Amino acid sequence: MIIGICGKSGCGKSTLANQIIELTNNKAIHLDIDKVGHRVLLLPEVQKELISSFGEFVVKENNVDGKKLGEIVFDSRNEMNKLSDITWKYMQIEIDNFLIQNKIKSLF
């Protein structure tokens, strides 16, 4: 069974996920999509696309400058959509891999 928990920042999604894990005696597994998003920002191919779309200043020393990127995307739906278009395909791969790995584990 897959349970999706969604909501605004700070609304208690992680708290609820942790409660579900406790209720299942640690048999439930939590995938934090925010953390997946942050991990894909470390991928060189993502950084290359971000530089191409937003400019070289959004990446410093092989790290995405979240503050600078945030200044661009959080004020514009169009720019946020660009960011989502760049990152989502990589996030989807990581999510799919997580689901496959954990489906195999649940069979044993």
N, C-alpha and C. Protein backbone atom coordinates (compact mmCIF):
# COMPACT_ATOMS: atom_id res chain seq x y z
N MET A 1 0.84 -1.17 0.00
CA MET A 1 0.00 0.00 0.00
C MET A 1 0.89 1.24 0.00
N ILE A 2 0.53 2.21 -0.80
CA ILE A 2 1.23 3.48 -0.84
C ILE A 2 0.28 4.55 -0.33
N ILE A 3 0.77 5.34 0.61
CA ILE A 3 0.00 6.45 1.16
C ILE A 3 0.74 7.73 0.82
N GLY A 4 0.08 8.64 0.16
CA GLY A 4 0.67 9.94 -0.14
C GLY A 4 0.17 10.96 0.86
N ILE A 5 1.09 11.74 1.39
CA ILE A 5 0.74 12.80 2.33
C ILE A 5 1.17 14.11 1.70
N CYS A 6 0.23 15.00 1.51
CA CYS A 6 0.58 16.28 0.90
C CYS A 6 0.03 17.43 1.73
N GLY A 7 0.63 18.57 1.56
CA GLY A 7 0.20 19.76 2.28
C GLY A 7 1.28 20.82 2.22
N LYS A 8 0.96 21.96 2.76
CA LYS A 8 1.89 23.09 2.75
C LYS A 8 3.05 22.84 3.69
N SER A 9 4.08 23.63 3.52
CA SER A 9 5.26 23.56 4.37
C SER A 9 4.86 23.80 5.83
N GLY A 10 5.37 22.93 6.70
CA GLY A 10 5.13 23.10 8.12
C GLY A 10 3.78 22.63 8.61
N CYS A 11 3.02 21.90 7.80
CA CYS A 11 1.67 21.48 8.21
C CYS A 11 1.65 20.16 8.96
N GLY A 12 2.80 19.46 9.04
CA GLY A 12 2.85 18.22 9.82
C GLY A 12 2.95 16.95 9.00
N LYS A 13 3.34 17.06 7.74
CA LYS A 13 3.46 15.86 6.90
C LYS A 13 4.46 14.86 7.47
N SER A 14 5.62 15.34 7.86
CA SER A 14 6.65 14.44 8.41
C SER A 14 6.21 13.86 9.74
N THR A 15 5.55 14.66 10.54
CA THR A 15 5.04 14.16 11.83
C THR A 15 4.06 13.03 11.60
N LEU A 16 3.14 13.21 10.67
CA LEU A 16 2.18 12.15 10.36
C LEU A 16 2.88 10.90 9.82
N ALA A 17 3.85 11.11 8.92
CA ALA A 17 4.59 9.97 8.38
C ALA A 17 5.29 9.20 9.50
N ASN A 18 5.89 9.91 10.43
CA ASN A 18 6.56 9.25 11.55
C ASN A 18 5.58 8.50 12.44
N GLN A 19 4.38 9.05 12.61
CA GLN A 19 3.36 8.36 13.40
C GLN A 19 2.92 7.07 12.71
N ILE A 20 2.80 7.12 11.39
CA ILE A 20 2.43 5.90 10.64
C ILE A 20 3.52 4.85 10.79
N ILE A 21 4.76 5.28 10.71
CA ILE A 21 5.89 4.34 10.88
C ILE A 21 5.82 3.69 12.26
N GLU A 22 5.55 4.50 13.30
CA GLU A 22 5.42 3.95 14.65
C GLU A 22 4.26 2.97 14.76
N LEU A 23 3.12 3.33 14.17
CA LEU A 23 1.93 2.48 14.24
C LEU A 23 2.11 1.15 13.54
N THR A 24 3.02 1.11 12.57
CA THR A 24 3.27 -0.13 11.83
C THR A 24 4.49 -0.88 12.35
N ASN A 25 4.94 -0.49 13.54
CA ASN A 25 6.14 -1.12 14.12
C ASN A 25 7.33 -1.05 13.16
N ASN A 26 7.53 0.10 12.59
CA ASN A 26 8.64 0.38 11.69
C ASN A 26 8.61 -0.42 10.39
N LYS A 27 7.45 -0.90 9.99
CA LYS A 27 7.34 -1.62 8.72
C LYS A 27 7.05 -0.66 7.57
N ALA A 28 6.48 0.49 7.88
CA ALA A 28 6.24 1.50 6.84
C ALA A 28 7.56 2.20 6.52
N ILE A 29 7.67 2.66 5.29
CA ILE A 29 8.88 3.34 4.83
C ILE A 29 8.47 4.70 4.31
N HIS A 30 9.24 5.72 4.68
CA HIS A 30 8.91 7.10 4.33
C HIS A 30 9.89 7.62 3.27
N LEU A 31 9.37 8.13 2.18
CA LEU A 31 10.18 8.80 1.17
C LEU A 31 9.81 10.27 1.19
N ASP A 32 10.73 11.11 1.59
CA ASP A 32 10.51 12.55 1.67
C ASP A 32 10.84 13.17 0.32
N ILE A 33 9.81 13.60 -0.39
CA ILE A 33 9.99 14.13 -1.74
C ILE A 33 10.82 15.41 -1.74
N ASP A 34 10.73 16.20 -0.67
CA ASP A 34 11.57 17.40 -0.58
C ASP A 34 13.05 17.02 -0.60
N LYS A 35 13.38 15.95 0.10
CA LYS A 35 14.78 15.49 0.12
C LYS A 35 15.21 14.96 -1.24
N VAL A 36 14.29 14.31 -1.93
CA VAL A 36 14.58 13.83 -3.29
C VAL A 36 14.89 15.03 -4.18
N GLY A 37 14.08 16.06 -4.07
CA GLY A 37 14.30 17.28 -4.86
C GLY A 37 15.65 17.91 -4.58
N HIS A 38 16.06 17.93 -3.32
CA HIS A 38 17.36 18.49 -2.98
C HIS A 38 18.50 17.63 -3.52
N ARG A 39 18.31 16.31 -3.48
CA ARG A 39 19.36 15.41 -4.01
C ARG A 39 19.56 15.58 -5.51
N VAL A 40 18.47 15.74 -6.25
CA VAL A 40 18.64 15.86 -7.70
C VAL A 40 19.34 17.16 -8.08
N LEU A 41 19.29 18.16 -7.19
CA LEU A 41 20.00 19.41 -7.46
C LEU A 41 21.52 19.21 -7.44
N LEU A 42 21.98 18.09 -6.92
CA LEU A 42 23.41 17.78 -6.89
C LEU A 42 23.89 17.14 -8.19
N LEU A 43 22.97 16.68 -9.02
CA LEU A 43 23.35 16.01 -10.26
C LEU A 43 23.91 17.01 -11.27
N PRO A 44 25.07 16.69 -11.86
CA PRO A 44 25.68 17.60 -12.83
C PRO A 44 24.76 17.94 -14.00
N GLU A 45 23.97 16.96 -14.47
CA GLU A 45 23.09 17.23 -15.60
C GLU A 45 21.97 18.19 -15.22
N VAL A 46 21.51 18.13 -13.99
CA VAL A 46 20.49 19.07 -13.52
C VAL A 46 21.10 20.46 -13.41
N GLN A 47 22.28 20.53 -12.84
CA GLN A 47 22.94 21.83 -12.70
C GLN A 47 23.19 22.48 -14.05
N LYS A 48 23.56 21.67 -15.03
CA LYS A 48 23.79 22.18 -16.38
C LYS A 48 22.49 22.78 -16.95
N GLU A 49 21.38 22.09 -16.75
CA GLU A 49 20.09 22.59 -17.25
C GLU A 49 19.67 23.86 -16.49
N LEU A 50 19.95 23.90 -15.19
CA LEU A 50 19.60 25.08 -14.40
C LEU A 50 20.38 26.30 -14.87
N ILE A 51 21.67 26.09 -15.14
CA ILE A 51 22.50 27.19 -15.64
C ILE A 51 21.98 27.66 -16.99
N SER A 52 21.61 26.74 -17.84
CA SER A 52 21.09 27.08 -19.16
C SER A 52 19.79 27.88 -19.06
N SER A 53 18.94 27.53 -18.10
CA SER A 53 17.64 28.19 -17.98
C SER A 53 17.66 29.46 -17.15
N PHE A 54 18.50 29.48 -16.09
CA PHE A 54 18.43 30.59 -15.14
C PHE A 54 19.70 31.43 -15.06
N GLY A 55 20.81 30.93 -15.58
CA GLY A 55 22.06 31.68 -15.54
C GLY A 55 23.09 31.00 -14.65
N GLU A 56 24.35 31.34 -14.91
CA GLU A 56 25.46 30.71 -14.19
C GLU A 56 25.47 30.99 -12.70
N PHE A 57 24.86 32.08 -12.29
CA PHE A 57 24.90 32.49 -10.89
C PHE A 57 24.09 31.58 -9.96
N VAL A 58 23.27 30.68 -10.52
CA VAL A 58 22.48 29.80 -9.65
C VAL A 58 23.27 28.59 -9.17
N VAL A 59 24.48 28.38 -9.74
CA VAL A 59 25.33 27.28 -9.30
C VAL A 59 26.69 27.85 -8.90
N LYS A 60 27.10 27.53 -7.67
CA LYS A 60 28.40 27.97 -7.16
C LYS A 60 29.15 26.76 -6.65
N GLU A 61 30.36 26.55 -7.15
CA GLU A 61 31.22 25.46 -6.69
C GLU A 61 30.48 24.11 -6.70
N ASN A 62 29.82 23.84 -7.83
CA ASN A 62 29.08 22.58 -8.03
C ASN A 62 27.92 22.38 -7.06
N ASN A 63 27.42 23.46 -6.50
CA ASN A 63 26.24 23.40 -5.65
C ASN A 63 25.25 24.45 -6.11
N VAL A 64 23.98 24.07 -6.15
CA VAL A 64 22.94 25.03 -6.51
C VAL A 64 22.79 26.00 -5.35
N ASP A 65 22.79 27.27 -5.67
CA ASP A 65 22.56 28.31 -4.67
C ASP A 65 21.05 28.43 -4.49
N GLY A 66 20.54 27.75 -3.49
CA GLY A 66 19.11 27.69 -3.25
C GLY A 66 18.48 29.06 -3.04
N LYS A 67 19.22 29.94 -2.40
CA LYS A 67 18.70 31.29 -2.14
C LYS A 67 18.49 32.04 -3.46
N LYS A 68 19.49 32.00 -4.32
CA LYS A 68 19.37 32.70 -5.61
C LYS A 68 18.30 32.07 -6.49
N LEU A 69 18.28 30.73 -6.52
CA LEU A 69 17.27 30.04 -7.31
C LEU A 69 15.88 30.35 -6.76
N GLY A 70 15.76 30.33 -5.45
CA GLY A 70 14.48 30.63 -4.81
C GLY A 70 13.98 32.03 -5.14
N GLU A 71 14.89 32.99 -5.19
CA GLU A 71 14.50 34.37 -5.53
C GLU A 71 13.88 34.45 -6.92
N ILE A 72 14.32 33.56 -7.79
CA ILE A 72 13.79 33.54 -9.16
C ILE A 72 12.46 32.81 -9.22
N VAL A 73 12.42 31.60 -8.66
CA VAL A 73 11.27 30.74 -8.90
C VAL A 73 10.08 30.99 -7.99
N PHE A 74 10.32 31.48 -6.78
CA PHE A 74 9.20 31.64 -5.86
C PHE A 74 8.35 32.87 -6.14
N ASP A 75 8.81 33.74 -7.01
CA ASP A 75 8.03 34.92 -7.38
C ASP A 75 7.36 34.79 -8.73
N SER A 76 7.55 33.67 -9.40
CA SER A 76 7.02 33.52 -10.76
C SER A 76 6.57 32.09 -11.00
N ARG A 77 5.32 31.92 -11.29
CA ARG A 77 4.80 30.59 -11.61
C ARG A 77 5.50 30.01 -12.83
N ASN A 78 5.76 30.86 -13.83
CA ASN A 78 6.44 30.43 -15.05
C ASN A 78 7.84 29.89 -14.74
N GLU A 79 8.58 30.61 -13.90
CA GLU A 79 9.94 30.17 -13.54
C GLU A 79 9.89 28.91 -12.68
N MET A 80 8.90 28.81 -11.80
CA MET A 80 8.74 27.60 -10.99
C MET A 80 8.43 26.40 -11.89
N ASN A 81 7.61 26.63 -12.90
CA ASN A 81 7.31 25.56 -13.86
C ASN A 81 8.58 25.12 -14.59
N LYS A 82 9.45 26.06 -14.94
CA LYS A 82 10.73 25.71 -15.58
C LYS A 82 11.56 24.82 -14.66
N LEU A 83 11.63 25.22 -13.38
CA LEU A 83 12.39 24.43 -12.43
C LEU A 83 11.80 23.03 -12.31
N SER A 84 10.49 22.94 -12.21
CA SER A 84 9.83 21.64 -12.11
C SER A 84 10.08 20.79 -13.35
N ASP A 85 10.03 21.42 -14.52
CA ASP A 85 10.29 20.69 -15.76
C ASP A 85 11.71 20.11 -15.79
N ILE A 86 12.65 20.85 -15.21
CA ILE A 86 14.04 20.38 -15.19
C ILE A 86 14.21 19.26 -14.18
N THR A 87 13.69 19.43 -12.98
CA THR A 87 13.99 18.50 -11.89
C THR A 87 13.09 17.28 -11.85
N TRP A 88 11.83 17.43 -12.31
CA TRP A 88 10.88 16.34 -12.08
C TRP A 88 11.29 15.03 -12.73
N LYS A 89 11.84 15.07 -13.94
CA LYS A 89 12.20 13.81 -14.62
C LYS A 89 13.25 13.04 -13.81
N TYR A 90 14.15 13.75 -13.16
CA TYR A 90 15.17 13.10 -12.34
C TYR A 90 14.58 12.62 -11.01
N MET A 91 13.67 13.41 -10.47
CA MET A 91 12.99 12.99 -9.25
C MET A 91 12.17 11.73 -9.50
N GLN A 92 11.51 11.67 -10.66
CA GLN A 92 10.69 10.52 -10.99
C GLN A 92 11.52 9.25 -11.05
N ILE A 93 12.72 9.34 -11.58
CA ILE A 93 13.62 8.18 -11.64
C ILE A 93 13.94 7.71 -10.23
N GLU A 94 14.27 8.64 -9.34
CA GLU A 94 14.61 8.26 -7.98
C GLU A 94 13.40 7.68 -7.24
N ILE A 95 12.24 8.25 -7.45
CA ILE A 95 11.02 7.74 -6.83
C ILE A 95 10.72 6.33 -7.34
N ASP A 96 10.80 6.15 -8.66
CA ASP A 96 10.56 4.82 -9.24
C ASP A 96 11.53 3.78 -8.68
N ASN A 97 12.81 4.15 -8.58
CA ASN A 97 13.80 3.23 -8.03
C ASN A 97 13.49 2.88 -6.57
N PHE A 98 13.07 3.87 -5.81
CA PHE A 98 12.69 3.64 -4.41
C PHE A 98 11.53 2.65 -4.33
N LEU A 99 10.53 2.85 -5.17
CA LEU A 99 9.36 1.97 -5.17
C LEU A 99 9.74 0.55 -5.57
N ILE A 100 10.58 0.42 -6.59
CA ILE A 100 11.03 -0.91 -7.03
C ILE A 100 11.81 -1.60 -5.92
N GLN A 101 12.76 -0.90 -5.33
CA GLN A 101 13.58 -1.50 -4.27
C GLN A 101 12.73 -1.93 -3.09
N ASN A 102 11.76 -1.13 -2.73
CA ASN A 102 10.96 -1.45 -1.56
C ASN A 102 9.85 -2.45 -1.86
N LYS A 103 9.44 -2.56 -3.10
CA LYS A 103 8.50 -3.61 -3.49
C LYS A 103 9.18 -4.96 -3.37
N ILE A 104 10.42 -5.02 -3.85
CA ILE A 104 11.18 -6.26 -3.75
C ILE A 104 11.37 -6.65 -2.29
N LYS A 105 11.70 -5.68 -1.43
CA LYS A 105 11.89 -5.97 0.00
C LYS A 105 10.61 -6.49 0.64
N SER A 106 9.46 -5.94 0.21
CA SER A 106 8.21 -6.33 0.83
C SER A 106 7.77 -7.74 0.42
N LEU A 107 8.38 -8.28 -0.63
CA LEU A 107 8.03 -9.63 -1.07
C LEU A 107 8.66 -10.70 -0.18
N PHE A 108 9.68 -10.33 0.57
CA PHE A 108 10.40 -11.32 1.40
C PHE A 108 10.01 -11.26 2.84
